PDB file of N, CA and C in Angstrom:
ATOM      1  N   MET A   1      32.206 -40.026  98.714  1.00  0.00           N
ATOM      2  CA  MET A   1      31.212 -39.135  98.601  1.00  0.00           C
ATOM      3  C   MET A   1      31.406 -38.040  97.462  1.00  0.00           C
ATOM      4  N   LYS A   2      30.542 -37.551  97.107  1.00  0.00           N
ATOM      5  CA  LYS A   2      30.560 -36.522  96.025  1.00  0.00           C
ATOM      6  C   LYS A   2      30.570 -35.214  96.852  1.00  0.00           C
ATOM      7  N   ASN A   3      31.221 -34.289  96.222  1.00  0.00           N
ATOM      8  CA  ASN A   3      31.255 -32.813  96.685  1.00  0.00           C
ATOM      9  C   ASN A   3      30.251 -32.174  95.739  1.00  0.00           C
ATOM     10  N   ASN A   4      29.480 -32.824  94.844  1.00  0.00           N
ATOM     11  CA  ASN A   4      28.738 -32.231  93.972  1.00  0.00           C
ATOM     12  C   ASN A   4      27.467 -31.761  94.444  1.00  0.00           C
ATOM     13  N   SER A   5      26.976 -30.631  94.136  1.00  0.00           N
ATOM     14  CA  SER A   5      25.580 -30.089  94.657  1.00  0.00           C
ATOM     15  C   SER A   5      24.539 -30.375  93.653  1.00  0.00           C
ATOM     16  N   GLY A   6      24.913 -30.936  92.589  1.00  0.00           N
ATOM     17  CA  GLY A   6      23.824 -30.867  91.446  1.00  0.00           C
ATOM     18  C   GLY A   6      22.836 -32.226  91.601  1.00  0.00           C
ATOM     19  N   PHE A   7      21.910 -32.443  90.980  1.00  0.00           N
ATOM     20  CA  PHE A   7      21.129 -33.618  91.045  1.00  0.00           C
ATOM     21  C   PHE A   7      21.815 -34.649  89.942  1.00  0.00           C
ATOM     22  N   THR A   8      21.540 -35.818  90.416  1.00  0.00           N
ATOM     23  CA  THR A   8      22.026 -36.975  89.394  1.00  0.00           C
ATOM     24  C   THR A   8      21.000 -37.180  88.312  1.00  0.00           C
ATOM     25  N   LEU A   9      21.343 -38.034  87.456  1.00  0.00           N
ATOM     26  CA  LEU A   9      20.391 -38.169  86.387  1.00  0.00           C
ATOM     27  C   LEU A   9      19.232 -39.103  86.774  1.00  0.00           C
ATOM     28  N   LEU A  10      19.455 -39.893  87.727  1.00  0.00           N
ATOM     29  CA  LEU A  10      18.204 -40.842  88.289  1.00  0.00           C
ATOM     30  C   LEU A  10      17.416 -39.865  89.033  1.00  0.00           C
ATOM     31  N   GLU A  11      17.795 -38.866  89.909  1.00  0.00           N
ATOM     32  CA  GLU A  11      16.938 -37.995  90.523  1.00  0.00           C
ATOM     33  C   GLU A  11      16.044 -37.037  89.544  1.00  0.00           C
ATOM     34  N   VAL A  12      16.748 -36.791  88.508  1.00  0.00           N
ATOM     35  CA  VAL A  12      15.909 -36.033  87.509  1.00  0.00           C
ATOM     36  C   VAL A  12      14.977 -36.738  86.981  1.00  0.00           C
ATOM     37  N   LEU A  13      15.307 -37.961  86.510  1.00  0.00           N
ATOM     38  CA  LEU A  13      14.267 -38.803  85.925  1.00  0.00           C
ATOM     39  C   LEU A  13      12.975 -39.208  86.781  1.00  0.00           C
ATOM     40  N   VAL A  14      13.378 -39.356  88.138  1.00  0.00           N
ATOM     41  CA  VAL A  14      12.352 -39.557  88.923  1.00  0.00           C
ATOM     42  C   VAL A  14      11.318 -38.424  89.297  1.00  0.00           C
ATOM     43  N   GLY A  15      12.096 -37.306  89.328  1.00  0.00           N
ATOM     44  CA  GLY A  15      11.202 -35.909  89.360  1.00  0.00           C
ATOM     45  C   GLY A  15      10.267 -35.775  88.179  1.00  0.00           C
ATOM     46  N   ILE A  16      10.771 -36.112  86.759  1.00  0.00           N
ATOM     47  CA  ILE A  16      10.144 -36.090  85.603  1.00  0.00           C
ATOM     48  C   ILE A  16       8.973 -37.016  85.713  1.00  0.00           C
ATOM     49  N   PHE A  17       9.133 -38.247  86.118  1.00  0.00           N
ATOM     50  CA  PHE A  17       8.082 -39.226  86.291  1.00  0.00           C
ATOM     51  C   PHE A  17       7.115 -38.828  87.345  1.00  0.00           C
ATOM     52  N   ILE A  18       7.464 -38.289  88.443  1.00  0.00           N
ATOM     53  CA  ILE A  18       6.359 -37.835  89.318  1.00  0.00           C
ATOM     54  C   ILE A  18       5.737 -36.535  88.697  1.00  0.00           C
ATOM     55  N   CYS A  19       6.174 -35.702  87.917  1.00  0.00           N
ATOM     56  CA  CYS A  19       5.393 -34.594  87.429  1.00  0.00           C
ATOM     57  C   CYS A  19       4.456 -35.296  86.210  1.00  0.00           C
ATOM     58  N   SER A  20       4.772 -36.132  85.462  1.00  0.00           N
ATOM     59  CA  SER A  20       4.036 -36.513  84.505  1.00  0.00           C
ATOM     60  C   SER A  20       2.698 -37.455  85.224  1.00  0.00           C
ATOM     61  N   ILE A  21       3.027 -38.161  86.265  1.00  0.00           N
ATOM     62  CA  ILE A  21       1.977 -38.840  86.829  1.00  0.00           C
ATOM     63  C   ILE A  21       0.981 -37.705  87.348  1.00  0.00           C
ATOM     64  N   ILE A  22       1.449 -36.789  88.052  1.00  0.00           N
ATOM     65  CA  ILE A  22       0.488 -35.741  88.714  1.00  0.00           C
ATOM     66  C   ILE A  22      -0.250 -34.984  87.388  1.00  0.00           C
ATOM     67  N   LEU A  23       0.320 -34.996  86.208  1.00  0.00           N
ATOM     68  CA  LEU A  23      -0.288 -34.278  85.141  1.00  0.00           C
ATOM     69  C   LEU A  23      -1.260 -35.041  84.389  1.00  0.00           C
ATOM     70  N   ILE A  24      -1.025 -36.426  84.478  1.00  0.00           N
ATOM     71  CA  ILE A  24      -1.772 -37.347  83.766  1.00  0.00           C
ATOM     72  C   ILE A  24      -3.199 -37.607  84.525  1.00  0.00           C
ATOM     73  N   PHE A  25      -2.922 -37.630  85.867  1.00  0.00           N
ATOM     74  CA  PHE A  25      -4.068 -37.912  86.804  1.00  0.00           C
ATOM     75  C   PHE A  25      -5.084 -36.664  87.094  1.00  0.00           C
ATOM     76  N   LEU A  26      -4.235 -35.472  87.394  1.00  0.00           N
ATOM     77  CA  LEU A  26      -4.786 -34.454  88.052  1.00  0.00           C
ATOM     78  C   LEU A  26      -5.479 -33.599  87.161  1.00  0.00           C
ATOM     79  N   ILE A  27      -4.903 -33.272  85.944  1.00  0.00           N
ATOM     80  CA  ILE A  27      -5.489 -32.524  85.044  1.00  0.00           C
ATOM     81  C   ILE A  27      -6.842 -32.876  84.356  1.00  0.00           C
ATOM     82  N   PRO A  28      -6.851 -34.239  84.009  1.00  0.00           N
ATOM     83  CA  PRO A  28      -8.364 -34.773  83.648  1.00  0.00           C
ATOM     84  C   PRO A  28      -9.447 -34.674  84.801  1.00  0.00           C
ATOM     85  N   ASN A  29      -9.017 -34.988  85.900  1.00  0.00           N
ATOM     86  CA  ASN A  29      -9.937 -34.957  87.170  1.00  0.00           C
ATOM     87  C   ASN A  29     -10.264 -33.475  87.425  1.00  0.00           C
ATOM     88  N   LEU A  30      -9.420 -32.544  87.094  1.00  0.00           N
ATOM     89  CA  LEU A  30      -9.878 -31.153  87.583  1.00  0.00           C
ATOM     90  C   LEU A  30     -10.907 -30.759  86.189  1.00  0.00           C
ATOM     91  N   VAL A  31     -10.481 -31.179  85.125  1.00  0.00           N
ATOM     92  CA  VAL A  31     -11.363 -30.712  83.841  1.00  0.00           C
ATOM     93  C   VAL A  31     -12.740 -31.410  84.275  1.00  0.00           C
ATOM     94  N   LEU A  32     -12.988 -32.596  84.781  1.00  0.00           N
ATOM     95  CA  LEU A  32     -14.290 -33.454  84.972  1.00  0.00           C
ATOM     96  C   LEU A  32     -15.034 -32.699  85.936  1.00  0.00           C
ATOM     97  N   GLU A  33     -14.173 -32.100  86.920  1.00  0.00           N
ATOM     98  CA  GLU A  33     -15.070 -31.485  88.119  1.00  0.00           C
ATOM     99  C   GLU A  33     -15.543 -30.260  87.515  1.00  0.00           C
ATOM    100  N   TYR A  34     -14.735 -29.468  86.634  1.00  0.00           N
ATOM    101  CA  TYR A  34     -15.213 -28.124  86.219  1.00  0.00           C
ATOM    102  C   TYR A  34     -16.540 -28.506  85.414  1.00  0.00           C
ATOM    103  N   GLU A  35     -16.445 -29.393  84.642  1.00  0.00           N
ATOM    104  CA  GLU A  35     -17.732 -29.684  83.758  1.00  0.00           C
ATOM    105  C   GLU A  35     -18.876 -30.063  84.630  1.00  0.00           C
ATOM    106  N   ASN A  36     -18.505 -30.880  85.731  1.00  0.00           N
ATOM    107  CA  ASN A  36     -19.693 -31.239  86.834  1.00  0.00           C
ATOM    108  C   ASN A  36     -20.114 -29.807  87.295  1.00  0.00           C
ATOM    109  N   LEU A  37     -19.390 -29.053  88.028  1.00  0.00           N
ATOM    110  CA  LEU A  37     -19.846 -27.796  88.283  1.00  0.00           C
ATOM    111  C   LEU A  37     -20.480 -26.889  87.697  1.00  0.00           C
ATOM    112  N   THR A  38     -20.151 -26.569  86.136  1.00  0.00           N
ATOM    113  CA  THR A  38     -20.800 -26.128  85.408  1.00  0.00           C
ATOM    114  C   THR A  38     -22.189 -26.547  85.127  1.00  0.00           C
ATOM    115  N   ASP A  39     -22.603 -27.733  84.933  1.00  0.00           N
ATOM    116  CA  ASP A  39     -23.760 -28.434  84.712  1.00  0.00           C
ATOM    117  C   ASP A  39     -24.569 -28.056  86.063  1.00  0.00           C
ATOM    118  N   MET A  40     -24.137 -28.203  87.416  1.00  0.00           N
ATOM    119  CA  MET A  40     -24.773 -27.902  88.349  1.00  0.00           C
ATOM    120  C   MET A  40     -25.233 -26.481  88.618  1.00  0.00           C
ATOM    121  N   GLU A  41     -24.181 -25.609  88.125  1.00  0.00           N
ATOM    122  CA  GLU A  41     -24.412 -23.985  88.139  1.00  0.00           C
ATOM    123  C   GLU A  41     -25.672 -23.808  87.294  1.00  0.00           C
ATOM    124  N   GLN A  42     -25.724 -24.434  85.973  1.00  0.00           N
ATOM    125  CA  GLN A  42     -26.905 -24.057  85.030  1.00  0.00           C
ATOM    126  C   GLN A  42     -28.262 -24.508  85.640  1.00  0.00           C
ATOM    127  N   LYS A  43     -28.302 -25.841  86.262  1.00  0.00           N
ATOM    128  CA  LYS A  43     -29.431 -26.235  86.899  1.00  0.00           C
ATOM    129  C   LYS A  43     -29.755 -25.222  87.891  1.00  0.00           C
ATOM    130  N   LEU A  44     -28.913 -24.847  88.763  1.00  0.00           N
ATOM    131  CA  LEU A  44     -29.317 -23.966  89.834  1.00  0.00           C
ATOM    132  C   LEU A  44     -29.930 -22.493  89.366  1.00  0.00           C
ATOM    133  N   GLU A  45     -29.278 -22.244  88.231  1.00  0.00           N
ATOM    134  CA  GLU A  45     -29.858 -21.056  87.811  1.00  0.00           C
ATOM    135  C   GLU A  45     -31.268 -21.202  87.129  1.00  0.00           C
ATOM    136  N   LEU A  46     -31.509 -22.245  86.565  1.00  0.00           N
ATOM    137  CA  LEU A  46     -32.858 -22.679  86.105  1.00  0.00           C
ATOM    138  C   LEU A  46     -33.813 -22.790  87.200  1.00  0.00           C
ATOM    139  N   LYS A  47     -33.429 -23.313  88.547  1.00  0.00           N
ATOM    140  CA  LYS A  47     -34.122 -23.445  89.487  1.00  0.00           C
ATOM    141  C   LYS A  47     -34.481 -22.180  90.353  1.00  0.00           C
ATOM    142  N   CYS A  48     -33.531 -21.152  90.244  1.00  0.00           N
ATOM    143  CA  CYS A  48     -33.778 -19.923  90.757  1.00  0.00           C
ATOM    144  C   CYS A  48     -34.732 -19.114  90.023  1.00  0.00           C
ATOM    145  N   ILE A  49     -34.602 -19.105  88.750  1.00  0.00           N
ATOM    146  CA  ILE A  49     -35.498 -18.357  87.806  1.00  0.00           C
ATOM    147  C   ILE A  49     -36.796 -19.085  87.897  1.00  0.00           C
ATOM    148  N   LEU A  50     -37.034 -20.380  87.864  1.00  0.00           N
ATOM    149  CA  LEU A  50     -38.515 -20.876  88.044  1.00  0.00           C
ATOM    150  C   LEU A  50     -39.005 -20.583  89.266  1.00  0.00           C
ATOM    151  N   TYR A  51     -38.279 -20.358  90.528  1.00  0.00           N
ATOM    152  CA  TYR A  51     -38.868 -20.078  91.874  1.00  0.00           C
ATOM    153  C   TYR A  51     -39.174 -18.661  91.893  1.00  0.00           C
ATOM    154  N   GLU A  52     -38.295 -17.906  91.211  1.00  0.00           N
ATOM    155  CA  GLU A  52     -38.727 -16.446  91.099  1.00  0.00           C
ATOM    156  C   GLU A  52     -40.109 -16.212  90.371  1.00  0.00           C
ATOM    157  N   GLU A  53     -40.175 -16.723  89.303  1.00  0.00           N
ATOM    158  CA  GLU A  53     -41.479 -16.565  88.530  1.00  0.00           C
ATOM    159  C   GLU A  53     -42.851 -17.288  89.294  1.00  0.00           C
ATOM    160  N   ILE A  54     -42.470 -18.243  89.892  1.00  0.00           N
ATOM    161  CA  ILE A  54     -43.609 -18.936  90.520  1.00  0.00           C
ATOM    162  C   ILE A  54     -44.032 -18.035  91.805  1.00  0.00           C
ATOM    163  N   THR A  55     -43.114 -17.538  92.568  1.00  0.00           N
ATOM    164  CA  THR A  55     -43.334 -16.501  93.668  1.00  0.00           C
ATOM    165  C   THR A  55     -43.864 -15.317  93.214  1.00  0.00           C
ATOM    166  N   ILE A  56     -43.550 -14.776  92.159  1.00  0.00           N
ATOM    167  CA  ILE A  56     -44.091 -13.395  91.573  1.00  0.00           C
ATOM    168  C   ILE A  56     -45.445 -13.522  91.002  1.00  0.00           C
ATOM    169  N   ASN A  57     -45.790 -14.675  90.315  1.00  0.00           N
ATOM    170  CA  ASN A  57     -46.938 -14.831  89.461  1.00  0.00           C
ATOM    171  C   ASN A  57     -48.157 -15.259  90.575  1.00  0.00           C
ATOM    172  N   ASP A  58     -49.041 -14.648  90.050  1.00  0.00           N
ATOM    173  CA  ASP A  58     -50.297 -14.952  91.261  1.00  0.00           C
ATOM    174  C   ASP A  58     -51.159 -16.097  90.702  1.00  0.00           C
ATOM    175  N   ASN A  59     -51.155 -16.167  89.525  1.00  0.00           N
ATOM    176  CA  ASN A  59     -51.847 -17.462  88.931  1.00  0.00           C
ATOM    177  C   ASN A  59     -51.291 -18.852  89.167  1.00  0.00           C
ATOM    178  N   LYS A  60     -52.044 -19.809  89.359  1.00  0.00           N
ATOM    179  CA  LYS A  60     -51.541 -21.156  89.572  1.00  0.00           C
ATOM    180  C   LYS A  60     -51.046 -21.673  88.455  1.00  0.00           C
ATOM    181  N   GLU A  61     -51.642 -21.483  87.201  1.00  0.00           N
ATOM    182  CA  GLU A  61     -51.087 -22.065  85.995  1.00  0.00           C
ATOM    183  C   GLU A  61     -50.939 -21.029  85.019  1.00  0.00           C
ATOM    184  N   PHE A  62     -49.570 -21.002  84.618  1.00  0.00           N
ATOM    185  CA  PHE A  62     -49.339 -19.824  83.432  1.00  0.00           C
ATOM    186  C   PHE A  62     -48.186 -20.353  82.753  1.00  0.00           C
ATOM    187  N   GLU A  63     -48.092 -19.643  81.598  1.00  0.00           N
ATOM    188  CA  GLU A  63     -46.988 -19.929  80.616  1.00  0.00           C
ATOM    189  C   GLU A  63     -46.225 -18.560  80.216  1.00  0.00           C
ATOM    190  N   LEU A  64     -45.016 -18.483  80.161  1.00  0.00           N
ATOM    191  CA  LEU A  64     -44.456 -17.197  79.721  1.00  0.00           C
ATOM    192  C   LEU A  64     -43.067 -17.446  79.508  1.00  0.00           C
ATOM    193  N   ILE A  65     -42.492 -16.457  78.546  1.00  0.00           N
ATOM    194  CA  ILE A  65     -41.079 -16.389  78.274  1.00  0.00           C
ATOM    195  C   ILE A  65     -40.337 -15.351  78.927  1.00  0.00           C
ATOM    196  N   ARG A  66     -39.450 -15.417  79.703  1.00  0.00           N
ATOM    197  CA  ARG A  66     -38.489 -14.595  80.388  1.00  0.00           C
ATOM    198  C   ARG A  66     -37.096 -14.657  79.611  1.00  0.00           C
ATOM    199  N   ASP A  67     -36.877 -13.600  78.999  1.00  0.00           N
ATOM    200  CA  ASP A  67     -35.416 -13.585  78.403  1.00  0.00           C
ATOM    201  C   ASP A  67     -35.365 -14.893  77.486  1.00  0.00           C
ATOM    202  N   ASN A  68     -34.455 -15.660  77.900  1.00  0.00           N
ATOM    203  CA  ASN A  68     -34.203 -16.795  77.110  1.00  0.00           C
ATOM    204  C   ASN A  68     -34.924 -18.175  77.657  1.00  0.00           C
ATOM    205  N   TYR A  69     -35.733 -18.004  78.572  1.00  0.00           N
ATOM    206  CA  TYR A  69     -36.371 -19.066  79.134  1.00  0.00           C
ATOM    207  C   TYR A  69     -37.876 -19.040  78.940  1.00  0.00           C
ATOM    208  N   LYS A  70     -38.276 -20.500  78.696  1.00  0.00           N
ATOM    209  CA  LYS A  70     -39.733 -20.495  78.545  1.00  0.00           C
ATOM    210  C   LYS A  70     -40.138 -21.387  79.909  1.00  0.00           C
ATOM    211  N   ILE A  71     -40.979 -20.816  80.511  1.00  0.00           N
ATOM    212  CA  ILE A  71     -41.629 -21.291  81.934  1.00  0.00           C
ATOM    213  C   ILE A  71     -43.048 -21.706  81.704  1.00  0.00           C
ATOM    214  N   VAL A  72     -43.330 -22.801  81.987  1.00  0.00           N
ATOM    215  CA  VAL A  72     -44.651 -23.527  81.949  1.00  0.00           C
ATOM    216  C   VAL A  72     -44.860 -24.066  83.434  1.00  0.00           C
ATOM    217  N   VAL A  73     -46.068 -23.481  84.066  1.00  0.00           N
ATOM    218  CA  VAL A  73     -46.297 -24.083  85.422  1.00  0.00           C
ATOM    219  C   VAL A  73     -47.808 -24.332  85.154  1.00  0.00           C
ATOM    220  N   THR A  74     -48.249 -25.505  85.623  1.00  0.00           N
ATOM    221  CA  THR A  74     -49.615 -26.187  85.562  1.00  0.00           C
ATOM    222  C   THR A  74     -49.909 -26.486  87.033  1.00  0.00           C
ATOM    223  N   GLU A  75     -51.088 -27.099  87.432  1.00  0.00           N
ATOM    224  CA  GLU A  75     -51.450 -27.473  88.668  1.00  0.00           C
ATOM    225  C   GLU A  75     -50.432 -28.498  89.287  1.00  0.00           C
ATOM    226  N   ASN A  76     -49.992 -29.338  88.725  1.00  0.00           N
ATOM    227  CA  ASN A  76     -49.188 -30.210  89.229  1.00  0.00           C
ATOM    228  C   ASN A  76     -47.720 -30.355  88.609  1.00  0.00           C
ATOM    229  N   ARG A  77     -47.239 -29.653  87.940  1.00  0.00           N
ATOM    230  CA  ARG A  77     -45.886 -29.758  87.146  1.00  0.00           C
ATOM    231  C   ARG A  77     -45.528 -28.003  86.863  1.00  0.00           C
ATOM    232  N   ALA A  78     -44.278 -28.041  86.810  1.00  0.00           N
ATOM    233  CA  ALA A  78     -43.596 -26.913  86.544  1.00  0.00           C
ATOM    234  C   ALA A  78     -42.236 -27.112  85.806  1.00  0.00           C
ATOM    235  N   THR A  79     -42.178 -26.524  84.507  1.00  0.00           N
ATOM    236  CA  THR A  79     -40.935 -26.785  83.636  1.00  0.00           C
ATOM    237  C   THR A  79     -40.416 -25.371  83.403  1.00  0.00           C
ATOM    238  N   ILE A  80     -39.095 -25.504  82.889  1.00  0.00           N
ATOM    239  CA  ILE A  80     -38.405 -24.502  82.618  1.00  0.00           C
ATOM    240  C   ILE A  80     -37.405 -25.045  81.556  1.00  0.00           C
ATOM    241  N   GLU A  81     -37.325 -24.234  80.512  1.00  0.00           N
ATOM    242  CA  GLU A  81     -36.329 -24.547  79.419  1.00  0.00           C
ATOM    243  C   GLU A  81     -35.492 -23.304  78.887  1.00  0.00           C
ATOM    244  N   ASN A  82     -34.218 -23.525  78.775  1.00  0.00           N
ATOM    245  CA  ASN A  82     -33.392 -22.402  78.215  1.00  0.00           C
ATOM    246  C   ASN A  82     -33.570 -22.672  76.798  1.00  0.00           C
ATOM    247  N   LEU A  83     -34.115 -21.542  75.990  1.00  0.00           N
ATOM    248  CA  LEU A  83     -34.155 -21.584  74.699  1.00  0.00           C
ATOM    249  C   LEU A  83     -32.933 -21.565  73.838  1.00  0.00           C
ATOM    250  N   VAL A  84     -31.887 -21.190  74.389  1.00  0.00           N
ATOM    251  CA  VAL A  84     -30.539 -20.902  73.707  1.00  0.00           C
ATOM    252  C   VAL A  84     -29.691 -22.311  73.736  1.00  0.00           C
ATOM    253  N   THR A  85     -29.615 -22.936  74.939  1.00  0.00           N
ATOM    254  CA  THR A  85     -28.822 -24.053  75.067  1.00  0.00           C
ATOM    255  C   THR A  85     -29.667 -25.195  75.278  1.00  0.00           C
ATOM    256  N   GLY A  86     -31.041 -25.229  75.236  1.00  0.00           N
ATOM    257  CA  GLY A  86     -31.821 -26.312  75.419  1.00  0.00           C
ATOM    258  C   GLY A  86     -31.900 -27.051  76.622  1.00  0.00           C
ATOM    259  N   ASP A  87     -31.329 -26.578  77.749  1.00  0.00           N
ATOM    260  CA  ASP A  87     -31.353 -27.195  79.048  1.00  0.00           C
ATOM    261  C   ASP A  87     -32.783 -27.319  79.298  1.00  0.00           C
ATOM    262  N   PHE A  88     -33.186 -28.150  80.123  1.00  0.00           N
ATOM    263  CA  PHE A  88     -34.672 -28.576  80.565  1.00  0.00           C
ATOM    264  C   PHE A  88     -34.846 -29.038  81.935  1.00  0.00           C
ATOM    265  N   LEU A  89     -35.575 -28.366  82.810  1.00  0.00           N
ATOM    266  CA  LEU A  89     -35.783 -28.774  84.013  1.00  0.00           C
ATOM    267  C   LEU A  89     -37.281 -28.982  84.241  1.00  0.00           C
ATOM    268  N   GLU A  90     -37.600 -30.188  85.045  1.00  0.00           N
ATOM    269  CA  GLU A  90     -39.288 -30.280  85.062  1.00  0.00           C
ATOM    270  C   GLU A  90     -39.435 -30.841  86.816  1.00  0.00           C
ATOM    271  N   TYR A  91     -40.347 -30.230  87.247  1.00  0.00           N
ATOM    272  CA  TYR A  91     -40.698 -30.771  88.660  1.00  0.00           C
ATOM    273  C   TYR A  91     -42.105 -31.218  88.503  1.00  0.00           C
ATOM    274  N   LYS A  92     -42.429 -32.267  89.099  1.00  0.00           N
ATOM    275  CA  LYS A  92     -43.820 -32.900  89.377  1.00  0.00           C
ATOM    276  C   LYS A  92     -44.375 -32.790  90.653  1.00  0.00           C
TER     277      LYS A  92
END
């Protein structure tokens, strides 16, 4: 038996291998989840603005531009478009 309290070369290599596997699989998945969350957040923001304008406006059909958003509401359709990013949301 050894009285050495350090790591062997094999233990260090296994540790490096495990860390590299974690970085290879974990980091891309985290980036993908972040992209999905930002997309959902943008759609939720569009929905909130559209809902606010529909509840505030008394007319059944209207078209207006609020900040960077173009909102068009007709009898059977409501659309909102972000004029800066080009995001578009439509309800029928």
